[in-house]
Amino acid sequence: MKKIASLLLLPLLLAACGTQNAPQQTAHSAAGSMQTGNGTEYVAAFEAKVQNDLATLGLTGDMTAQVVVAGKSYLNVLKVNDSTARAYIKTTHPSSTGCTVDWGDGSVTAGQTPTPKNVSTEQQNHVYASSGTYTIKLICGTDIKISSFKAIVAAAGFNLFDKLEVDFTNTDGGFTYGFAEFLFPLIENGFKFESGFPFLLKDGVLPSGHKSIALHVNEGGPGRISAANGSTFDIKSITAGIWYAYGDNVMLSAYGVNGALIASSQFANDGSLGQPLETRQLNWSGVKYLEITGGDWGYLNVDDMVATINQ
């Protein structure tokens, strides 16, 4: 809780009333990449602070009743993970004004005006393709709010699993998926993937055209990733999230040639709840195998990874 309290002391963007002739800028409020079990708790605290800001500015409740000639707007940005920004926006500008979110990398999305009465804030996620510091703008005519986001994007991976096919007969939580046990043990780009009760997924929070493999935490033993030739490997990053995990969050652990634990990293971003995948920077060397463990039921949903096999 001390970490959360200190982070919430970082400056948040407070919207000004009326029309601005010049943009107002504030520092980005980082969420620590959601790399620990405190990630979900941090987001809840961040969103509570957003609501407190809106209450202070008189921007809570039904915005349709507040549409005036001089509209109001609010922007704040949460770091969901190293490459994903989430903009929280609210506006009383009439629909004739129109608002857009400029993500600073050439991507522009529309914001609803005024903010619909059935939502406390409109939320938009954006995934950056390249590392860099980006200026994010909420633009409503001449009323402009500005924040910033520092993206860290891992090197290109293998595009794992994208050519695989199964009988995609199920749709749930935004994903289309099918049972993939006949594919296992699966070898892709020199790596072997092992799991009981595995699924191949597409759609959902996956980037367009991508497919992922859901590896079970304990069905027939923990899910496992290793080099197909038995060598050790170095893993720089993995793009993944959890999927329908009950009980504890899912843990990815690396073990060396002697079975000793090298390092572990816990995931809490649940794709079945619409939470984006995370590209987790690991930088683990001399790995004999990766093991996936967790609660009574659940999966690590793996989209891709950056790794090198030590021949």
Protein backbone atom coordinates (compact mmCIF):
# COMPACT_ATOMS: atom_id res chain seq x y z
CA MET A 1 0.00 0.00 0.00
CA LYS A 2 2.92 2.34 0.55
CA LYS A 3 3.87 1.96 -3.11
CA ILE A 4 0.34 2.82 -4.23
CA ALA A 5 0.11 5.81 -1.92
CA SER A 6 3.37 7.23 -3.21
CA LEU A 7 2.40 6.72 -6.84
CA LEU A 8 -0.87 8.54 -6.33
CA LEU A 9 1.08 11.61 -5.26
CA LEU A 10 2.27 11.91 -8.85
CA PRO A 11 0.57 14.77 -10.68
CA LEU A 12 -2.68 13.92 -12.49
CA LEU A 13 -4.09 15.97 -15.34
CA LEU A 14 -6.93 18.21 -14.18
CA ALA A 15 -9.24 19.54 -16.87
CA ALA A 16 -9.93 23.25 -17.16
CA CYS A 17 -13.38 24.67 -17.86
CA GLY A 18 -14.23 26.51 -21.04
CA THR A 19 -12.23 26.96 -24.23
CA GLN A 20 -8.42 27.10 -24.16
CA ASN A 21 -6.28 29.02 -26.59
CA ALA A 22 -3.21 26.99 -25.62
CA PRO A 23 -2.82 23.37 -24.46
CA GLN A 24 -2.16 22.53 -20.84
CA GLN A 25 0.39 19.80 -20.14
CA THR A 26 1.07 17.48 -17.22
CA ALA A 27 3.39 14.61 -16.42
CA HIS A 28 2.20 11.08 -17.24
CA SER A 29 1.06 9.03 -14.25
CA ALA A 30 2.74 5.60 -14.49
CA ALA A 31 1.17 2.40 -13.20
CA GLY A 32 4.35 0.41 -12.79
CA SER A 33 3.57 -1.84 -15.79
CA MET A 34 1.28 -4.02 -13.63
CA GLN A 35 4.25 -6.32 -13.06
CA THR A 36 3.32 -7.33 -9.52
CA GLY A 37 0.29 -8.57 -7.67
CA ASN A 38 -0.49 -4.94 -6.80
CA GLY A 39 -1.34 -4.16 -10.44
CA THR A 40 -5.11 -4.59 -10.13
CA GLU A 41 -5.12 -2.72 -6.83
CA TYR A 42 -3.18 0.13 -8.41
CA VAL A 43 -5.66 0.48 -11.27
CA ALA A 44 -8.57 0.61 -8.81
CA ALA A 45 -6.81 3.33 -6.81
CA PHE A 46 -5.92 5.24 -9.99
CA GLU A 47 -9.54 5.16 -11.18
CA ALA A 48 -10.77 6.29 -7.76
CA LYS A 49 -8.46 9.30 -8.03
CA VAL A 50 -9.83 10.03 -11.51
CA GLN A 51 -13.36 10.09 -10.07
CA ASN A 52 -12.21 12.38 -7.27
CA ASP A 53 -10.71 14.77 -9.87
CA LEU A 54 -13.97 14.74 -11.84
CA ALA A 55 -16.02 15.45 -8.73
CA THR A 56 -13.77 18.41 -7.90
CA LEU A 57 -14.26 19.75 -11.43
CA GLY A 58 -18.01 19.20 -11.40
CA LEU A 59 -17.79 16.61 -14.16
CA THR A 60 -19.60 13.71 -12.49
CA GLY A 61 -23.08 12.51 -13.36
CA ASP A 62 -25.00 12.93 -16.60
CA MET A 63 -23.00 15.13 -18.97
CA THR A 64 -25.93 15.66 -21.34
CA ALA A 65 -27.41 18.04 -18.76
CA GLN A 66 -24.19 20.09 -18.70
CA VAL A 67 -23.74 20.71 -22.41
CA VAL A 68 -23.13 24.43 -22.74
CA VAL A 69 -21.54 26.72 -25.30
CA ALA A 70 -18.20 26.64 -23.44
CA GLY A 71 -17.73 22.88 -22.94
CA LYS A 72 -15.41 21.18 -20.48
CA SER A 73 -13.02 18.25 -21.00
CA TYR A 74 -10.79 15.96 -18.95
CA LEU A 75 -7.90 13.64 -19.89
CA ASN A 76 -5.76 11.34 -17.79
CA VAL A 77 -3.53 8.47 -18.94
CA LEU A 78 -2.77 5.19 -17.16
CA LYS A 79 0.20 3.00 -18.07
CA VAL A 80 -1.46 -0.42 -18.46
CA ASN A 81 1.86 -2.01 -19.39
CA ASP A 82 5.12 -1.06 -21.12
CA SER A 83 3.50 -0.62 -24.54
CA THR A 84 -0.18 0.04 -23.74
CA ALA A 85 -1.70 3.37 -22.67
CA ARG A 86 -5.26 3.84 -21.43
CA ALA A 87 -6.86 7.26 -21.80
CA TYR A 88 -9.65 8.25 -19.41
CA ILE A 89 -11.69 11.05 -20.99
CA LYS A 90 -14.82 12.98 -20.14
CA THR A 91 -16.38 15.94 -21.91
CA THR A 92 -19.43 18.20 -21.84
CA HIS A 93 -18.83 19.40 -25.40
CA PRO A 94 -21.88 18.98 -27.65
CA SER A 95 -21.87 16.34 -30.36
CA SER A 96 -21.52 19.09 -32.96
CA THR A 97 -18.05 19.91 -31.58
CA GLY A 98 -16.64 16.40 -31.71
CA CYS A 99 -13.56 15.22 -29.81
CA THR A 100 -10.58 13.11 -30.86
CA VAL A 101 -7.72 11.40 -29.05
CA ASP A 102 -4.39 11.89 -30.84
CA TRP A 103 -2.01 9.18 -29.56
CA GLY A 104 1.11 10.90 -30.90
CA ASP A 105 2.16 8.07 -33.23
CA GLY A 106 -0.13 8.93 -36.13
CA SER A 107 -3.16 7.15 -34.64
CA VAL A 108 -6.30 9.17 -33.93
CA THR A 109 -9.53 7.86 -32.41
CA ALA A 110 -12.89 9.54 -31.85
CA GLY A 111 -14.27 10.38 -28.43
CA GLN A 112 -17.99 10.46 -27.70
CA THR A 113 -19.46 13.93 -27.11
CA PRO A 114 -20.85 14.53 -24.68
CA THR A 115 -19.66 11.56 -22.60
CA PRO A 116 -22.62 9.13 -22.41
CA LYS A 117 -24.57 9.34 -19.16
CA ASN A 118 -24.26 5.57 -18.53
CA VAL A 119 -20.44 5.66 -18.14
CA SER A 120 -18.34 7.45 -15.52
CA THR A 121 -15.53 8.04 -18.04
CA GLU A 122 -14.89 6.87 -21.57
CA GLN A 123 -11.81 4.61 -21.65
CA GLN A 124 -9.66 3.94 -24.70
CA ASN A 125 -6.64 1.61 -24.93
CA HIS A 126 -3.80 2.07 -27.38
CA VAL A 127 -0.83 -0.23 -28.05
CA TYR A 128 2.35 1.39 -29.38
CA ALA A 129 4.38 -0.43 -32.02
CA SER A 130 7.66 1.38 -31.34
CA SER A 131 9.49 2.59 -28.24
CA GLY A 132 9.49 6.32 -27.54
CA THR A 133 7.85 9.13 -25.57
CA TYR A 134 4.52 10.14 -27.09
CA THR A 135 2.35 13.22 -26.56
CA ILE A 136 -1.30 12.27 -26.16
CA LYS A 137 -3.93 14.94 -26.83
CA LEU A 138 -7.66 15.15 -26.24
CA ILE A 139 -8.81 17.67 -28.84
CA CYS A 140 -12.29 19.20 -28.71
CA GLY A 141 -12.18 22.11 -31.15
CA THR A 142 -9.74 24.60 -29.62
CA ASP A 143 -10.01 22.94 -26.19
CA ILE A 144 -6.92 20.71 -25.94
CA LYS A 145 -5.70 18.61 -23.04
CA ILE A 146 -2.24 17.01 -23.14
CA SER A 147 -0.52 14.11 -21.37
CA SER A 148 2.47 11.93 -22.26
CA PHE A 149 3.37 8.24 -22.38
CA LYS A 150 6.74 6.52 -22.53
CA ALA A 151 6.44 3.26 -24.47
CA ILE A 152 8.94 0.42 -24.29
CA VAL A 153 8.40 -2.12 -27.06
CA ALA A 154 10.32 -5.39 -27.17
CA ALA A 155 12.18 -6.56 -30.23
CA ALA A 156 10.15 -8.44 -32.83
CA GLY A 157 9.24 -11.95 -31.78
CA PHE A 158 8.55 -15.11 -33.78
CA ASN A 159 4.86 -14.52 -34.63
CA LEU A 160 4.21 -17.78 -32.81
CA PHE A 161 1.05 -19.84 -33.44
CA ASP A 162 -0.37 -17.52 -36.14
CA LYS A 163 -0.39 -20.26 -38.83
CA LEU A 164 -2.00 -22.92 -36.64
CA GLU A 165 -5.58 -24.02 -37.21
CA VAL A 166 -8.13 -25.78 -35.01
CA ASP A 167 -11.90 -26.04 -35.04
CA PHE A 168 -12.76 -22.56 -33.73
CA THR A 169 -16.18 -23.48 -32.36
CA ASN A 170 -16.37 -21.41 -29.18
CA THR A 171 -16.63 -17.69 -28.43
CA ASP A 172 -16.38 -16.26 -24.93
CA GLY A 173 -14.90 -13.15 -23.33
CA GLY A 174 -14.25 -11.69 -26.79
CA PHE A 175 -12.09 -14.65 -27.83
CA THR A 176 -12.79 -17.25 -30.49
CA TYR A 177 -11.13 -20.51 -29.45
CA GLY A 178 -10.86 -24.22 -30.04
CA PHE A 179 -9.40 -27.24 -28.29
CA ALA A 180 -5.77 -27.78 -29.38
CA GLU A 181 -4.70 -30.97 -27.62
CA PHE A 182 -4.05 -32.74 -30.94
CA LEU A 183 -1.31 -30.16 -31.66
CA PHE A 184 0.63 -31.02 -28.51
CA PRO A 185 3.43 -31.31 -27.66
CA LEU A 186 3.71 -28.32 -29.97
CA ILE A 187 7.02 -27.25 -31.54
CA GLU A 188 7.26 -23.71 -32.89
CA ASN A 189 10.52 -21.98 -33.93
CA GLY A 190 12.60 -24.54 -32.05
CA PHE A 191 10.61 -24.26 -28.81
CA LYS A 192 8.42 -26.99 -27.34
CA PHE A 193 5.15 -26.09 -25.64
CA GLU A 194 3.55 -28.63 -23.32
CA SER A 195 0.20 -28.46 -21.54
CA GLY A 196 -2.83 -30.51 -20.66
CA PHE A 197 -6.18 -29.21 -21.94
CA PRO A 198 -4.66 -26.46 -24.20
CA PHE A 199 -6.61 -24.06 -26.41
CA LEU A 200 -5.74 -22.00 -29.50
CA LEU A 201 -7.28 -18.52 -29.34
CA LYS A 202 -7.82 -15.61 -31.69
CA ASP A 203 -9.67 -12.27 -31.51
CA GLY A 204 -10.32 -10.88 -28.01
CA VAL A 205 -7.45 -8.69 -26.81
CA LEU A 206 -5.03 -10.22 -29.34
CA PRO A 207 -3.64 -7.94 -32.07
CA SER A 208 -5.30 -8.34 -35.46
CA GLY A 209 -4.19 -11.54 -37.19
CA HIS A 210 -2.53 -12.99 -34.09
CA LYS A 211 -3.28 -16.31 -32.43
CA SER A 212 -2.21 -17.46 -28.99
CA ILE A 213 -1.84 -20.67 -27.02
CA ALA A 214 -3.48 -21.01 -23.60
CA LEU A 215 -1.25 -23.23 -21.41
CA HIS A 216 -2.89 -24.72 -18.32
CA VAL A 217 -1.45 -24.20 -14.85
CA ASN A 218 -1.89 -27.76 -13.62
CA GLU A 219 -3.89 -30.00 -15.99
CA GLY A 220 -1.66 -33.07 -16.30
CA GLY A 221 1.13 -31.09 -14.60
CA PRO A 222 2.16 -27.43 -15.02
CA GLY A 223 2.37 -25.97 -18.53
CA ARG A 224 5.95 -25.90 -19.76
CA ILE A 225 8.09 -24.19 -22.43
CA SER A 226 11.55 -25.52 -23.34
CA ALA A 227 13.96 -25.77 -26.27
CA ALA A 228 12.98 -28.74 -28.45
CA ASN A 229 16.63 -29.87 -28.71
CA GLY A 230 17.11 -29.85 -24.93
CA SER A 231 19.47 -26.84 -24.91
CA THR A 232 19.23 -23.91 -22.56
CA PHE A 233 17.89 -20.62 -23.87
CA ASP A 234 17.83 -16.93 -23.04
CA ILE A 235 14.44 -15.21 -23.00
CA LYS A 236 14.26 -11.44 -23.33
CA SER A 237 10.48 -10.95 -23.21
CA ILE A 238 7.12 -12.69 -23.44
CA THR A 239 3.79 -11.26 -24.57
CA ALA A 240 1.09 -12.90 -22.50
CA GLY A 241 -1.80 -12.60 -20.08
CA ILE A 242 -3.95 -14.88 -18.00
CA TRP A 243 -7.20 -16.46 -19.15
CA TYR A 244 -9.91 -17.67 -16.79
CA ALA A 245 -7.57 -18.07 -13.82
CA TYR A 246 -9.29 -19.00 -10.56
CA GLY A 247 -7.57 -18.74 -7.20
CA ASP A 248 -4.07 -17.32 -7.29
CA ASN A 249 -2.76 -15.32 -10.24
CA VAL A 250 -0.63 -17.19 -12.77
CA MET A 251 3.12 -17.48 -12.19
CA LEU A 252 5.74 -17.95 -14.92
CA SER A 253 8.98 -19.37 -13.48
CA ALA A 254 12.36 -20.12 -15.08
CA TYR A 255 14.55 -23.05 -14.02
CA GLY A 256 18.19 -23.79 -14.86
CA VAL A 257 19.95 -27.03 -15.85
CA ASN A 258 20.17 -28.17 -12.23
CA GLY A 259 16.49 -27.51 -11.57
CA ALA A 260 17.25 -24.41 -9.51
CA LEU A 261 14.81 -21.51 -9.73
CA ILE A 262 16.25 -18.62 -11.75
CA ALA A 263 13.38 -16.14 -11.47
CA SER A 264 9.58 -15.83 -11.43
CA SER A 265 7.10 -13.30 -12.76
CA GLN A 266 3.40 -13.14 -11.89
CA PHE A 267 0.63 -12.20 -14.31
CA ALA A 268 -2.70 -10.65 -13.30
CA ASN A 269 -3.97 -9.17 -16.61
CA ASP A 270 -7.02 -11.32 -17.43
CA GLY A 271 -7.97 -11.38 -21.11
CA SER A 272 -11.37 -12.89 -20.28
CA LEU A 273 -12.10 -9.55 -18.54
CA GLY A 274 -10.89 -7.55 -21.55
CA GLN A 275 -7.51 -6.65 -20.04
CA PRO A 276 -4.75 -6.26 -22.68
CA LEU A 277 -1.83 -8.63 -23.11
CA GLU A 278 1.45 -7.44 -21.62
CA THR A 279 4.90 -7.61 -23.18
CA ARG A 280 6.86 -8.48 -20.05
CA GLN A 281 10.60 -7.74 -20.11
CA LEU A 282 12.27 -10.78 -18.46
CA ASN A 283 15.94 -10.92 -19.54
CA TRP A 284 16.46 -14.42 -18.07
CA SER A 285 19.56 -16.36 -19.18
CA GLY A 286 20.53 -20.02 -19.06
CA VAL A 287 16.94 -21.24 -18.85
CA LYS A 288 16.32 -25.00 -19.14
CA TYR A 289 12.54 -24.65 -19.04
CA LEU A 290 9.73 -22.27 -18.14
CA GLU A 291 6.93 -23.54 -15.93
CA ILE A 292 3.42 -22.15 -15.53
CA THR A 293 1.69 -22.52 -12.17
CA GLY A 294 -1.18 -20.86 -10.34
CA GLY A 295 -4.46 -21.57 -8.61
CA ASP A 296 -6.82 -24.47 -9.03
CA TRP A 297 -7.65 -23.61 -12.62
CA GLY A 298 -6.47 -21.20 -15.30
CA TYR A 299 -4.14 -20.49 -18.18
CA LEU A 300 -1.22 -18.39 -19.27
CA ASN A 301 -2.28 -17.10 -22.68
CA VAL A 302 0.95 -16.74 -24.72
CA ASP A 303 0.97 -14.66 -27.90
CA ASP A 304 4.70 -14.41 -28.63
CA MET A 305 8.15 -14.20 -27.09
CA VAL A 306 11.67 -12.98 -27.87
CA ALA A 307 14.20 -15.71 -27.03
CA THR A 308 17.41 -17.30 -28.28
CA ILE A 309 18.30 -20.99 -28.04
CA ASN A 310 21.87 -21.67 -26.89
CA GLN A 311 23.08 -24.24 -29.45
